[in-house]
Amino acid sequence: ALVASMLQTAANLHLSVSAAGIEVATQWSALRRLGCDEGQGFLFATPLPLDAAQRLPPVLPAAA
């Protein structure tokens, strides 16, 4: 209920929301159903050394 309320408040204010710490697909699915726009966490990628992270493209393709 708390996350749903936060996402609704952000939507009402026309703000984008990025959730951090997403570890499993069910978490991401639930967040997407609630209207979360972006996410990061181990589900998408493990931490990288700085030099490797700096070589990433600015926008990565979304997983299907």
Protein backbone atom coordinates (compact mmCIF):
# COMPACT_ATOMS: atom_id res chain seq x y z
CA ALA A 1 0.00 0.00 0.00
CA LEU A 2 2.86 2.38 0.78
CA VAL A 3 4.58 1.84 -2.58
CA ALA A 4 1.27 2.18 -4.44
CA SER A 5 0.60 5.46 -2.62
CA MET A 6 4.07 6.80 -3.42
CA LEU A 7 3.72 5.89 -7.09
CA GLN A 8 0.27 7.49 -7.27
CA THR A 9 1.58 10.67 -5.65
CA ALA A 10 4.43 10.80 -8.17
CA ALA A 11 1.98 10.28 -11.04
CA ASN A 12 -0.24 13.07 -9.73
CA LEU A 13 2.81 15.35 -9.71
CA HIS A 14 3.87 14.17 -13.20
CA LEU A 15 7.13 12.75 -11.84
CA SER A 16 9.02 9.74 -13.09
CA VAL A 17 9.91 7.08 -10.50
CA SER A 18 12.96 4.83 -10.48
CA ALA A 19 12.92 1.93 -8.00
CA ALA A 20 16.25 0.73 -6.61
CA GLY A 21 17.17 -2.68 -5.26
CA ILE A 22 15.09 -4.84 -7.59
CA GLU A 23 16.39 -8.40 -7.28
CA VAL A 24 13.75 -10.69 -8.79
CA ALA A 25 11.35 -10.50 -11.73
CA THR A 26 8.26 -10.66 -9.50
CA GLN A 27 9.33 -7.44 -7.77
CA TRP A 28 9.76 -5.70 -11.12
CA SER A 29 6.42 -7.02 -12.40
CA ALA A 30 4.60 -5.76 -9.32
CA LEU A 31 6.25 -2.34 -9.59
CA ARG A 32 5.38 -2.09 -13.29
CA ARG A 33 1.74 -2.97 -12.56
CA LEU A 34 1.69 -0.15 -10.00
CA GLY A 35 3.06 2.32 -12.55
CA CYS A 36 6.79 2.42 -11.80
CA ASP A 37 8.71 3.84 -14.78
CA GLU A 38 12.28 2.70 -14.17
CA GLY A 39 14.24 0.29 -12.03
CA GLN A 40 17.70 -0.80 -11.11
CA GLY A 41 19.17 -3.66 -9.16
CA PHE A 42 20.69 -7.14 -9.42
CA LEU A 43 17.82 -8.28 -11.67
CA PHE A 44 19.19 -6.05 -14.41
CA ALA A 45 22.95 -6.08 -13.76
CA THR A 46 25.53 -6.75 -11.10
CA PRO A 47 27.72 -3.89 -9.89
CA LEU A 48 30.55 -2.97 -12.27
CA PRO A 49 33.96 -1.41 -11.72
CA LEU A 50 33.95 2.29 -12.58
CA ASP A 51 35.89 1.91 -15.83
CA ALA A 52 33.44 -0.74 -17.11
CA ALA A 53 30.41 1.34 -16.10
CA GLN A 54 31.80 4.37 -17.94
CA ARG A 55 31.94 2.34 -21.17
CA LEU A 56 28.22 1.50 -21.06
CA PRO A 57 25.91 3.30 -23.49
CA PRO A 58 23.83 6.07 -21.86
CA VAL A 59 20.60 4.09 -22.40
CA LEU A 60 20.49 0.32 -22.33
CA PRO A 61 17.84 -1.67 -24.19
CA ALA A 62 15.02 -2.99 -22.00
CA ALA A 63 14.74 -6.74 -21.51
CA ALA A 64 11.70 -8.31 -23.12
